[in-house]
Amino acid sequence: MKQLLRGINPWLPVFAFVTMFHIMRGSTGDAIIFGTGTALLIADWKKLLKWHMPERPKFGKASVVVAILLSTSVLFFAERGGWQDIVLLIALAPIALTMVYYRDHGPKPSSTKLMAKTKWIWLTLALCMAVSELFAYIWASVFKDDESYPTISVIVNPVLESPYGRGIFLILWMLIGVGILQIWRKR
């Protein structure tokens, strides 16, 4: 079993689970997005695709701030779920993908037990959140009650209905990503 799972990306089970969840709930768009991610992770794991992944791109503070402001403006002025949102998602997806899915071409850092433990802690947290969301979805579907145990979308929908809420949410979301990815940190 250990040999079978050698080199597996720890996000693969999360993406596969979320894909199945969206298929079960009939959300075609979300299933396509997560299914594509799952397929790419499997193809990379099994070395089916021979692509040269670039080094992680480096962005200056000004370009990140401009991207955040432009994205926030689109969400502020556009109708929620409109064509502008879709264009924004399609424009940001390749940038986000290259920021999180790249190969280090320099000397490989040695893996430590702490790094391995951290990877599995994040995987466990992500799976727990996915299972919790699935339970909330099933609860709401079976009991026709989405207030006792609400899904994340039920919680954030009132905020996202407002253009101000969408704008603030996106700014916070992107700043959290900038912080997690540490894109301004010196290498």
N, C-alpha and C. Protein backbone atom coordinates (compact mmCIF):
# COMPACT_ATOMS: atom_id res chain seq x y z
N MET A 1 0.83 -1.20 0.00
CA MET A 1 0.00 0.00 0.00
C MET A 1 0.87 1.26 0.00
N LYS A 2 1.95 1.23 0.80
CA LYS A 2 2.82 2.39 0.87
C LYS A 2 3.45 2.67 -0.49
N GLN A 3 3.83 1.61 -1.21
CA GLN A 3 4.41 1.76 -2.54
C GLN A 3 3.38 2.35 -3.52
N LEU A 4 2.14 1.91 -3.39
CA LEU A 4 1.07 2.40 -4.26
C LEU A 4 0.84 3.90 -4.09
N LEU A 5 0.94 4.39 -2.86
CA LEU A 5 0.67 5.80 -2.58
C LEU A 5 1.91 6.68 -2.64
N ARG A 6 3.05 6.12 -3.01
CA ARG A 6 4.30 6.87 -3.05
C ARG A 6 4.18 8.04 -4.02
N GLY A 7 4.53 9.22 -3.56
CA GLY A 7 4.51 10.41 -4.40
C GLY A 7 3.16 11.04 -4.59
N ILE A 8 2.15 10.57 -3.88
CA ILE A 8 0.82 11.13 -4.05
C ILE A 8 0.75 12.53 -3.43
N ASN A 9 0.11 13.42 -4.13
CA ASN A 9 -0.10 14.76 -3.62
C ASN A 9 -1.14 14.67 -2.51
N PRO A 10 -0.86 15.23 -1.33
CA PRO A 10 -1.83 15.10 -0.23
C PRO A 10 -3.17 15.78 -0.51
N TRP A 11 -3.23 16.66 -1.51
CA TRP A 11 -4.49 17.31 -1.84
C TRP A 11 -5.37 16.44 -2.73
N LEU A 12 -4.82 15.38 -3.29
CA LEU A 12 -5.61 14.52 -4.17
C LEU A 12 -6.85 13.94 -3.49
N PRO A 13 -6.74 13.36 -2.28
CA PRO A 13 -7.96 12.85 -1.63
C PRO A 13 -8.98 13.95 -1.36
N VAL A 14 -8.51 15.14 -1.03
CA VAL A 14 -9.42 16.26 -0.75
C VAL A 14 -10.17 16.63 -2.02
N PHE A 15 -9.45 16.81 -3.13
CA PHE A 15 -10.09 17.18 -4.39
C PHE A 15 -11.05 16.09 -4.85
N ALA A 16 -10.64 14.83 -4.71
CA ALA A 16 -11.51 13.73 -5.13
C ALA A 16 -12.79 13.71 -4.30
N PHE A 17 -12.66 13.90 -2.99
CA PHE A 17 -13.84 13.91 -2.11
C PHE A 17 -14.77 15.06 -2.47
N VAL A 18 -14.20 16.24 -2.67
CA VAL A 18 -15.02 17.41 -3.00
C VAL A 18 -15.68 17.23 -4.37
N THR A 19 -14.98 16.61 -5.32
CA THR A 19 -15.58 16.33 -6.63
C THR A 19 -16.80 15.43 -6.47
N MET A 20 -16.65 14.35 -5.70
CA MET A 20 -17.77 13.43 -5.48
C MET A 20 -18.94 14.14 -4.78
N PHE A 21 -18.62 15.00 -3.84
CA PHE A 21 -19.65 15.76 -3.13
C PHE A 21 -20.46 16.60 -4.11
N HIS A 22 -19.77 17.30 -5.01
CA HIS A 22 -20.47 18.16 -5.96
C HIS A 22 -21.25 17.35 -7.00
N ILE A 23 -20.74 16.19 -7.34
CA ILE A 23 -21.50 15.31 -8.25
C ILE A 23 -22.78 14.86 -7.56
N MET A 24 -22.67 14.46 -6.28
CA MET A 24 -23.84 13.99 -5.53
C MET A 24 -24.89 15.08 -5.38
N ARG A 25 -24.46 16.31 -5.19
CA ARG A 25 -25.44 17.39 -4.99
C ARG A 25 -25.89 18.01 -6.30
N GLY A 26 -25.33 17.54 -7.42
CA GLY A 26 -25.79 18.02 -8.72
C GLY A 26 -25.25 19.36 -9.13
N SER A 27 -24.13 19.77 -8.56
CA SER A 27 -23.52 21.05 -8.92
C SER A 27 -22.48 20.81 -10.01
N THR A 28 -22.94 20.88 -11.26
CA THR A 28 -22.09 20.53 -12.40
C THR A 28 -20.86 21.41 -12.51
N GLY A 29 -21.02 22.71 -12.38
CA GLY A 29 -19.88 23.62 -12.51
C GLY A 29 -18.79 23.34 -11.49
N ASP A 30 -19.18 23.18 -10.22
CA ASP A 30 -18.21 22.89 -9.17
C ASP A 30 -17.57 21.52 -9.38
N ALA A 31 -18.37 20.55 -9.83
CA ALA A 31 -17.83 19.20 -10.09
C ALA A 31 -16.80 19.25 -11.20
N ILE A 32 -17.02 20.06 -12.23
CA ILE A 32 -16.06 20.18 -13.33
C ILE A 32 -14.77 20.82 -12.83
N ILE A 33 -14.89 21.88 -12.03
CA ILE A 33 -13.69 22.55 -11.51
C ILE A 33 -12.86 21.60 -10.66
N PHE A 34 -13.48 20.96 -9.67
CA PHE A 34 -12.73 20.07 -8.78
C PHE A 34 -12.34 18.77 -9.48
N GLY A 35 -13.17 18.30 -10.42
CA GLY A 35 -12.82 17.11 -11.18
C GLY A 35 -11.60 17.34 -12.06
N THR A 36 -11.51 18.53 -12.66
CA THR A 36 -10.33 18.87 -13.46
C THR A 36 -9.09 18.90 -12.58
N GLY A 37 -9.22 19.51 -11.40
CA GLY A 37 -8.09 19.52 -10.46
C GLY A 37 -7.68 18.11 -10.06
N THR A 38 -8.66 17.26 -9.79
CA THR A 38 -8.38 15.87 -9.42
C THR A 38 -7.66 15.15 -10.56
N ALA A 39 -8.15 15.32 -11.77
CA ALA A 39 -7.52 14.66 -12.93
C ALA A 39 -6.09 15.13 -13.12
N LEU A 40 -5.84 16.43 -12.97
CA LEU A 40 -4.48 16.94 -13.11
C LEU A 40 -3.56 16.39 -12.02
N LEU A 41 -4.07 16.30 -10.78
CA LEU A 41 -3.25 15.74 -9.70
C LEU A 41 -2.93 14.27 -9.94
N ILE A 42 -3.91 13.51 -10.44
CA ILE A 42 -3.67 12.10 -10.75
C ILE A 42 -2.66 11.97 -11.89
N ALA A 43 -2.84 12.77 -12.95
CA ALA A 43 -1.93 12.72 -14.09
C ALA A 43 -0.51 13.08 -13.66
N ASP A 44 -0.36 14.06 -12.79
CA ASP A 44 0.97 14.43 -12.31
C ASP A 44 1.55 13.32 -11.43
N TRP A 45 0.74 12.75 -10.57
CA TRP A 45 1.18 11.68 -9.67
C TRP A 45 1.66 10.46 -10.46
N LYS A 46 0.91 10.09 -11.49
CA LYS A 46 1.25 8.92 -12.31
C LYS A 46 2.21 9.25 -13.45
N LYS A 47 2.65 10.53 -13.49
CA LYS A 47 3.59 11.00 -14.51
C LYS A 47 3.08 10.74 -15.93
N LEU A 48 1.79 11.00 -16.14
CA LEU A 48 1.17 10.82 -17.44
C LEU A 48 1.40 12.02 -18.35
N LEU A 49 1.62 13.17 -17.75
CA LEU A 49 1.84 14.39 -18.52
C LEU A 49 3.31 14.78 -18.41
N LYS A 50 3.91 15.03 -19.54
CA LYS A 50 5.32 15.45 -19.56
C LYS A 50 5.36 16.96 -19.79
N TRP A 51 5.20 17.70 -18.75
CA TRP A 51 5.24 19.14 -18.88
C TRP A 51 6.38 19.68 -18.03
N HIS A 52 6.84 20.80 -18.46
CA HIS A 52 7.90 21.46 -17.69
C HIS A 52 7.24 22.54 -16.86
N MET A 53 7.17 22.30 -15.58
CA MET A 53 6.56 23.28 -14.71
C MET A 53 7.57 24.37 -14.41
N PRO A 54 7.18 25.61 -14.59
CA PRO A 54 8.14 26.69 -14.33
C PRO A 54 8.41 26.85 -12.84
N GLU A 55 9.44 27.63 -12.57
CA GLU A 55 9.69 27.97 -11.17
C GLU A 55 8.55 28.86 -10.70
N ARG A 56 8.43 28.96 -9.41
CA ARG A 56 7.38 29.79 -8.83
C ARG A 56 7.59 31.24 -9.27
N PRO A 57 6.55 31.85 -9.84
CA PRO A 57 6.71 33.24 -10.27
C PRO A 57 6.86 34.18 -9.08
N LYS A 58 7.53 35.28 -9.35
CA LYS A 58 7.71 36.30 -8.31
C LYS A 58 6.95 37.54 -8.75
N PHE A 59 6.10 38.04 -7.85
CA PHE A 59 5.30 39.22 -8.14
C PHE A 59 5.69 40.34 -7.18
N GLY A 60 5.75 41.54 -7.70
CA GLY A 60 6.01 42.69 -6.86
C GLY A 60 4.74 43.09 -6.11
N LYS A 61 4.93 43.87 -5.08
CA LYS A 61 3.78 44.32 -4.27
C LYS A 61 2.79 45.11 -5.12
N ALA A 62 3.29 45.94 -6.00
CA ALA A 62 2.39 46.78 -6.81
C ALA A 62 1.49 45.92 -7.69
N SER A 63 2.03 44.88 -8.33
CA SER A 63 1.21 44.06 -9.22
C SER A 63 0.15 43.28 -8.43
N VAL A 64 0.49 42.84 -7.22
CA VAL A 64 -0.48 42.13 -6.39
C VAL A 64 -1.59 43.08 -5.94
N VAL A 65 -1.22 44.28 -5.52
CA VAL A 65 -2.21 45.26 -5.08
C VAL A 65 -3.14 45.64 -6.24
N VAL A 66 -2.58 45.82 -7.44
CA VAL A 66 -3.40 46.15 -8.61
C VAL A 66 -4.36 45.00 -8.92
N ALA A 67 -3.87 43.77 -8.87
CA ALA A 67 -4.74 42.60 -9.14
C ALA A 67 -5.87 42.53 -8.13
N ILE A 68 -5.57 42.77 -6.85
CA ILE A 68 -6.60 42.73 -5.82
C ILE A 68 -7.62 43.84 -6.05
N LEU A 69 -7.16 45.05 -6.36
CA LEU A 69 -8.08 46.17 -6.58
C LEU A 69 -8.94 45.96 -7.82
N LEU A 70 -8.35 45.46 -8.91
CA LEU A 70 -9.14 45.20 -10.13
C LEU A 70 -10.17 44.11 -9.88
N SER A 71 -9.76 43.05 -9.21
CA SER A 71 -10.69 41.94 -8.92
C SER A 71 -11.82 42.40 -8.02
N THR A 72 -11.49 43.19 -7.02
CA THR A 72 -12.49 43.71 -6.10
C THR A 72 -13.46 44.63 -6.83
N SER A 73 -12.94 45.43 -7.76
CA SER A 73 -13.81 46.32 -8.53
C SER A 73 -14.81 45.52 -9.37
N VAL A 74 -14.32 44.45 -9.99
CA VAL A 74 -15.22 43.61 -10.80
C VAL A 74 -16.33 43.07 -9.90
N LEU A 75 -15.96 42.52 -8.76
CA LEU A 75 -16.98 41.94 -7.88
C LEU A 75 -17.91 43.01 -7.28
N PHE A 76 -17.39 44.19 -7.07
CA PHE A 76 -18.20 45.25 -6.49
C PHE A 76 -19.26 45.73 -7.48
N PHE A 77 -18.87 45.91 -8.75
CA PHE A 77 -19.78 46.50 -9.73
C PHE A 77 -20.59 45.48 -10.52
N ALA A 78 -20.15 44.24 -10.55
CA ALA A 78 -20.83 43.22 -11.35
C ALA A 78 -21.92 42.53 -10.53
N GLU A 79 -22.89 41.98 -11.25
CA GLU A 79 -23.94 41.19 -10.61
C GLU A 79 -23.33 39.86 -10.15
N ARG A 80 -23.74 39.41 -8.99
CA ARG A 80 -23.20 38.16 -8.46
C ARG A 80 -23.55 36.99 -9.38
N GLY A 81 -22.52 36.23 -9.74
CA GLY A 81 -22.72 35.08 -10.62
C GLY A 81 -22.84 35.46 -12.08
N GLY A 82 -22.59 36.73 -12.40
CA GLY A 82 -22.69 37.19 -13.78
C GLY A 82 -21.48 36.80 -14.61
N TRP A 83 -21.51 37.17 -15.88
CA TRP A 83 -20.43 36.80 -16.78
C TRP A 83 -19.10 37.41 -16.35
N GLN A 84 -19.16 38.58 -15.69
CA GLN A 84 -17.93 39.22 -15.24
C GLN A 84 -17.22 38.36 -14.18
N ASP A 85 -18.01 37.75 -13.31
CA ASP A 85 -17.44 36.86 -12.29
C ASP A 85 -16.74 35.67 -12.95
N ILE A 86 -17.36 35.13 -13.99
CA ILE A 86 -16.79 33.97 -14.67
C ILE A 86 -15.49 34.36 -15.38
N VAL A 87 -15.48 35.52 -16.04
CA VAL A 87 -14.27 35.99 -16.71
C VAL A 87 -13.16 36.22 -15.67
N LEU A 88 -13.51 36.79 -14.53
CA LEU A 88 -12.52 37.01 -13.47
C LEU A 88 -11.95 35.69 -12.97
N LEU A 89 -12.81 34.71 -12.75
CA LEU A 89 -12.35 33.39 -12.30
C LEU A 89 -11.41 32.77 -13.32
N ILE A 90 -11.78 32.84 -14.59
CA ILE A 90 -10.94 32.26 -15.65
C ILE A 90 -9.61 33.00 -15.75
N ALA A 91 -9.62 34.31 -15.53
CA ALA A 91 -8.38 35.08 -15.60
C ALA A 91 -7.46 34.80 -14.41
N LEU A 92 -8.04 34.64 -13.23
CA LEU A 92 -7.22 34.44 -12.03
C LEU A 92 -6.78 32.99 -11.83
N ALA A 93 -7.51 32.04 -12.40
CA ALA A 93 -7.19 30.63 -12.17
C ALA A 93 -5.78 30.24 -12.59
N PRO A 94 -5.30 30.61 -13.79
CA PRO A 94 -3.93 30.23 -14.14
C PRO A 94 -2.88 30.88 -13.23
N ILE A 95 -3.13 32.11 -12.83
CA ILE A 95 -2.19 32.79 -11.94
C ILE A 95 -2.14 32.07 -10.60
N ALA A 96 -3.31 31.75 -10.06
CA ALA A 96 -3.36 31.05 -8.78
C ALA A 96 -2.72 29.67 -8.90
N LEU A 97 -2.96 28.98 -10.00
CA LEU A 97 -2.40 27.64 -10.19
C LEU A 97 -0.87 27.69 -10.20
N THR A 98 -0.29 28.66 -10.91
CA THR A 98 1.17 28.74 -10.95
C THR A 98 1.75 29.16 -9.60
N MET A 99 0.95 29.83 -8.78
CA MET A 99 1.45 30.24 -7.46
C MET A 99 1.49 29.07 -6.48
N VAL A 100 0.61 28.10 -6.65
CA VAL A 100 0.55 27.01 -5.67
C VAL A 100 1.05 25.69 -6.23
N TYR A 101 1.16 25.56 -7.55
CA TYR A 101 1.53 24.28 -8.14
C TYR A 101 2.73 24.49 -9.05
N TYR A 102 3.90 24.36 -8.50
CA TYR A 102 5.13 24.60 -9.23
C TYR A 102 6.17 23.60 -8.74
N ARG A 103 7.26 23.55 -9.45
CA ARG A 103 8.37 22.69 -9.06
C ARG A 103 9.54 23.59 -8.66
N ASP A 104 10.20 23.22 -7.60
CA ASP A 104 11.43 23.91 -7.23
C ASP A 104 12.53 23.37 -8.13
N HIS A 105 13.22 24.28 -8.82
CA HIS A 105 14.29 23.84 -9.71
C HIS A 105 15.66 23.98 -9.05
N GLY A 106 15.70 24.56 -7.90
CA GLY A 106 16.96 24.71 -7.19
C GLY A 106 17.25 23.48 -6.35
N PRO A 107 18.18 23.61 -5.44
CA PRO A 107 18.47 22.47 -4.57
C PRO A 107 17.26 22.13 -3.72
N LYS A 108 16.99 20.86 -3.59
CA LYS A 108 15.82 20.40 -2.83
C LYS A 108 16.08 20.55 -1.33
N PRO A 109 15.14 21.21 -0.61
CA PRO A 109 15.32 21.26 0.84
C PRO A 109 15.06 19.88 1.42
N SER A 110 15.75 19.58 2.47
CA SER A 110 15.53 18.27 3.08
C SER A 110 14.21 18.29 3.83
N SER A 111 13.49 17.22 3.69
CA SER A 111 12.20 17.10 4.36
C SER A 111 12.44 16.76 5.83
N THR A 112 11.71 17.42 6.67
CA THR A 112 11.85 17.15 8.10
C THR A 112 10.58 16.46 8.59
N LYS A 113 10.68 15.89 9.76
CA LYS A 113 9.50 15.27 10.34
C LYS A 113 8.42 16.32 10.57
N LEU A 114 8.82 17.53 10.95
CA LEU A 114 7.86 18.61 11.18
C LEU A 114 7.12 18.95 9.89
N MET A 115 7.84 19.01 8.76
CA MET A 115 7.20 19.31 7.48
C MET A 115 6.21 18.21 7.10
N ALA A 116 6.61 16.97 7.29
CA ALA A 116 5.72 15.85 6.97
C ALA A 116 4.49 15.86 7.87
N LYS A 117 4.70 16.14 9.15
CA LYS A 117 3.57 16.19 10.09
C LYS A 117 2.63 17.34 9.72
N THR A 118 3.20 18.49 9.35
CA THR A 118 2.39 19.65 8.98
C THR A 118 1.55 19.34 7.74
N LYS A 119 2.14 18.66 6.76
CA LYS A 119 1.40 18.28 5.54
C LYS A 119 0.18 17.44 5.91
N TRP A 120 0.36 16.47 6.78
CA TRP A 120 -0.75 15.58 7.13
C TRP A 120 -1.76 16.27 8.05
N ILE A 121 -1.32 17.22 8.85
CA ILE A 121 -2.26 17.99 9.67
C ILE A 121 -3.18 18.81 8.76
N TRP A 122 -2.60 19.48 7.74
CA TRP A 122 -3.42 20.27 6.81
C TRP A 122 -4.38 19.38 6.06
N LEU A 123 -3.91 18.21 5.63
CA LEU A 123 -4.78 17.27 4.92
C LEU A 123 -5.93 16.84 5.81
N THR A 124 -5.63 16.52 7.05
CA THR A 124 -6.67 16.09 8.00
C THR A 124 -7.68 17.21 8.23
N LEU A 125 -7.20 18.43 8.43
CA LEU A 125 -8.11 19.57 8.62
C LEU A 125 -9.01 19.77 7.40
N ALA A 126 -8.43 19.69 6.21
CA ALA A 126 -9.22 19.88 4.99
C ALA A 126 -10.28 18.80 4.86
N LEU A 127 -9.91 17.55 5.12
CA LEU A 127 -10.89 16.47 5.04
C LEU A 127 -11.98 16.62 6.10
N CYS A 128 -11.61 17.03 7.31
CA CYS A 128 -12.61 17.25 8.37
C CYS A 128 -13.60 18.34 7.97
N MET A 129 -13.09 19.42 7.38
CA MET A 129 -13.97 20.49 6.93
C MET A 129 -14.89 20.00 5.81
N ALA A 130 -14.35 19.20 4.89
CA ALA A 130 -15.16 18.67 3.79
C ALA A 130 -16.25 17.74 4.33
N VAL A 131 -15.90 16.88 5.28
CA VAL A 131 -16.91 15.97 5.85
C VAL A 131 -17.96 16.77 6.63
N SER A 132 -17.52 17.80 7.34
CA SER A 132 -18.46 18.65 8.08
C SER A 132 -19.43 19.33 7.12
N GLU A 133 -18.90 19.83 6.01
CA GLU A 133 -19.75 20.48 5.00
C GLU A 133 -20.73 19.47 4.39
N LEU A 134 -20.26 18.26 4.14
CA LEU A 134 -21.12 17.21 3.61
C LEU A 134 -22.24 16.89 4.60
N PHE A 135 -21.89 16.77 5.88
CA PHE A 135 -22.91 16.49 6.90
C PHE A 135 -23.94 17.61 6.94
N ALA A 136 -23.48 18.87 6.89
CA ALA A 136 -24.41 20.00 6.92
C ALA A 136 -25.32 19.98 5.69
N TYR A 137 -24.76 19.64 4.55
CA TYR A 137 -25.56 19.57 3.32
C TYR A 137 -26.62 18.47 3.43
N ILE A 138 -26.20 17.29 3.90
CA ILE A 138 -27.15 16.19 4.05
C ILE A 138 -28.22 16.54 5.07
N TRP A 139 -27.84 17.14 6.18
CA TRP A 139 -28.78 17.56 7.23
C TRP A 139 -29.84 18.49 6.63
N ALA A 140 -29.37 19.50 5.88
CA ALA A 140 -30.30 20.47 5.30
C ALA A 140 -31.22 19.81 4.27
N SER A 141 -30.69 18.85 3.50
CA SER A 141 -31.51 18.17 2.49
C SER A 141 -32.55 17.26 3.12
N VAL A 142 -32.15 16.51 4.13
CA VAL A 142 -33.06 15.53 4.74
C VAL A 142 -34.12 16.21 5.60
N PHE A 143 -33.69 17.13 6.46
CA PHE A 143 -34.60 17.75 7.42
C PHE A 143 -35.17 19.08 6.94
N LYS A 144 -34.84 19.49 5.74
CA LYS A 144 -35.29 20.78 5.19
C LYS A 144 -35.06 21.91 6.19
N ASP A 145 -33.86 21.87 6.79
CA ASP A 145 -33.50 22.85 7.81
C ASP A 145 -32.03 23.21 7.62
N ASP A 146 -31.80 24.39 7.04
CA ASP A 146 -30.41 24.79 6.85
C ASP A 146 -29.94 25.81 7.88
N GLU A 147 -30.71 25.96 8.96
CA GLU A 147 -30.32 26.89 10.02
C GLU A 147 -29.73 26.19 11.24
N SER A 148 -30.16 24.97 11.55
CA SER A 148 -29.64 24.27 12.73
C SER A 148 -28.17 23.92 12.57
N TYR A 149 -27.81 23.48 11.38
CA TYR A 149 -26.43 23.12 11.08
C TYR A 149 -26.13 23.63 9.67
N PRO A 150 -25.85 24.94 9.54
CA PRO A 150 -25.74 25.55 8.21
C PRO A 150 -24.44 25.18 7.49
N THR A 151 -24.54 25.13 6.16
CA THR A 151 -23.35 24.97 5.34
C THR A 151 -22.61 26.32 5.30
N ILE A 152 -21.40 26.28 4.81
CA ILE A 152 -20.62 27.51 4.71
C ILE A 152 -21.31 28.51 3.80
N SER A 153 -21.90 28.02 2.70
CA SER A 153 -22.57 28.93 1.77
C SER A 153 -23.76 29.63 2.42
N VAL A 154 -24.50 28.93 3.28
CA VAL A 154 -25.63 29.55 3.98
C VAL A 154 -25.12 30.65 4.91
N ILE A 155 -23.98 30.43 5.51
CA ILE A 155 -23.42 31.42 6.43
C ILE A 155 -22.94 32.67 5.69
N VAL A 156 -22.24 32.48 4.55
CA VAL A 156 -21.64 33.63 3.88
C VAL A 156 -22.55 34.27 2.82
N ASN A 157 -23.61 33.60 2.37
CA ASN A 157 -24.47 34.17 1.33
C ASN A 157 -25.01 35.55 1.66
N PRO A 158 -25.50 35.80 2.88
CA PRO A 158 -26.01 37.15 3.15
C PRO A 158 -24.93 38.24 2.97
N VAL A 159 -23.71 37.92 3.34
CA VAL A 159 -22.61 38.88 3.18
C VAL A 159 -22.30 39.08 1.70
N LEU A 160 -22.31 37.99 0.93
CA LEU A 160 -21.93 38.07 -0.47
C LEU A 160 -23.02 38.65 -1.36
N GLU A 161 -24.22 38.81 -0.85
CA GLU A 161 -25.29 39.44 -1.64
C GLU A 161 -25.01 40.93 -1.84
N SER A 162 -24.27 41.52 -0.95
CA SER A 162 -23.94 42.94 -1.05
C SER A 162 -22.64 43.11 -1.83
N PRO A 163 -22.58 44.13 -2.71
CA PRO A 163 -21.31 44.36 -3.41
C PRO A 163 -20.18 44.69 -2.45
N TYR A 164 -20.51 45.37 -1.36
CA TYR A 164 -19.48 45.68 -0.35
C TYR A 164 -18.97 44.40 0.29
N GLY A 165 -19.88 43.50 0.59
CA GLY A 165 -19.50 42.22 1.19
C GLY A 165 -18.61 41.40 0.27
N ARG A 166 -18.98 41.35 -1.03
CA ARG A 166 -18.15 40.62 -2.00
C ARG A 166 -16.77 41.23 -2.10
N GLY A 167 -16.71 42.56 -2.16
CA GLY A 167 -15.42 43.24 -2.27
C GLY A 167 -14.54 43.00 -1.06
N ILE A 168 -15.10 43.16 0.12
CA ILE A 168 -14.33 42.96 1.35
C ILE A 168 -13.91 41.49 1.47
N PHE A 169 -14.83 40.58 1.14
CA PHE A 169 -14.51 39.16 1.21
C PHE A 169 -13.33 38.83 0.30
N LEU A 170 -13.35 39.36 -0.94
CA LEU A 170 -12.27 39.06 -1.87
C LEU A 170 -10.95 39.65 -1.40
N ILE A 171 -10.98 40.88 -0.90
CA ILE A 171 -9.73 41.47 -0.39
C ILE A 171 -9.15 40.61 0.72
N LEU A 172 -9.98 40.23 1.68
CA LEU A 172 -9.49 39.39 2.78
C LEU A 172 -9.00 38.03 2.26
N TRP A 173 -9.77 37.43 1.36
CA TRP A 173 -9.41 36.12 0.81
C TRP A 173 -8.04 36.18 0.11
N MET A 174 -7.84 37.21 -0.72
CA MET A 174 -6.58 37.32 -1.45
C MET A 174 -5.42 37.67 -0.52
N LEU A 175 -5.66 38.50 0.48
CA LEU A 175 -4.58 38.83 1.42
C LEU A 175 -4.19 37.61 2.25
N ILE A 176 -5.17 36.78 2.60
CA ILE A 176 -4.84 35.53 3.30
C ILE A 176 -3.97 34.66 2.40
N GLY A 177 -4.32 34.57 1.12
CA GLY A 177 -3.51 33.80 0.17
C GLY A 177 -2.10 34.35 0.04
N VAL A 178 -1.98 35.67 -0.03
CA VAL A 178 -0.66 36.30 -0.10
C VAL A 178 0.15 35.95 1.15
N GLY A 179 -0.51 35.97 2.29
CA GLY A 179 0.19 35.63 3.54
C GLY A 179 0.60 34.17 3.61
N ILE A 180 -0.31 33.28 3.23
CA ILE A 180 0.00 31.85 3.28
C ILE A 180 1.11 31.50 2.30
N LEU A 181 1.05 32.05 1.09
CA LEU A 181 2.06 31.74 0.08
C LEU A 181 3.37 32.49 0.31
N GLN A 182 3.33 33.49 1.16
CA GLN A 182 4.52 34.29 1.49
C GLN A 182 5.23 34.75 0.22
N ILE A 183 4.46 35.34 -0.70
CA ILE A 183 5.04 35.69 -2.00
C ILE A 183 6.00 36.86 -1.92
N TRP A 184 5.98 37.64 -0.87
CA TRP A 184 6.90 38.74 -0.76
C TRP A 184 8.10 38.41 0.11
N ARG A 185 8.12 37.21 0.65
CA ARG A 185 9.21 36.81 1.53
C ARG A 185 10.47 36.60 0.69
N LYS A 186 11.59 37.03 1.21
CA LYS A 186 12.85 36.82 0.51
C LYS A 186 13.15 35.33 0.47
N ARG A 187 13.62 34.84 -0.66
CA ARG A 187 13.92 33.42 -0.81
C ARG A 187 15.20 33.08 -0.09
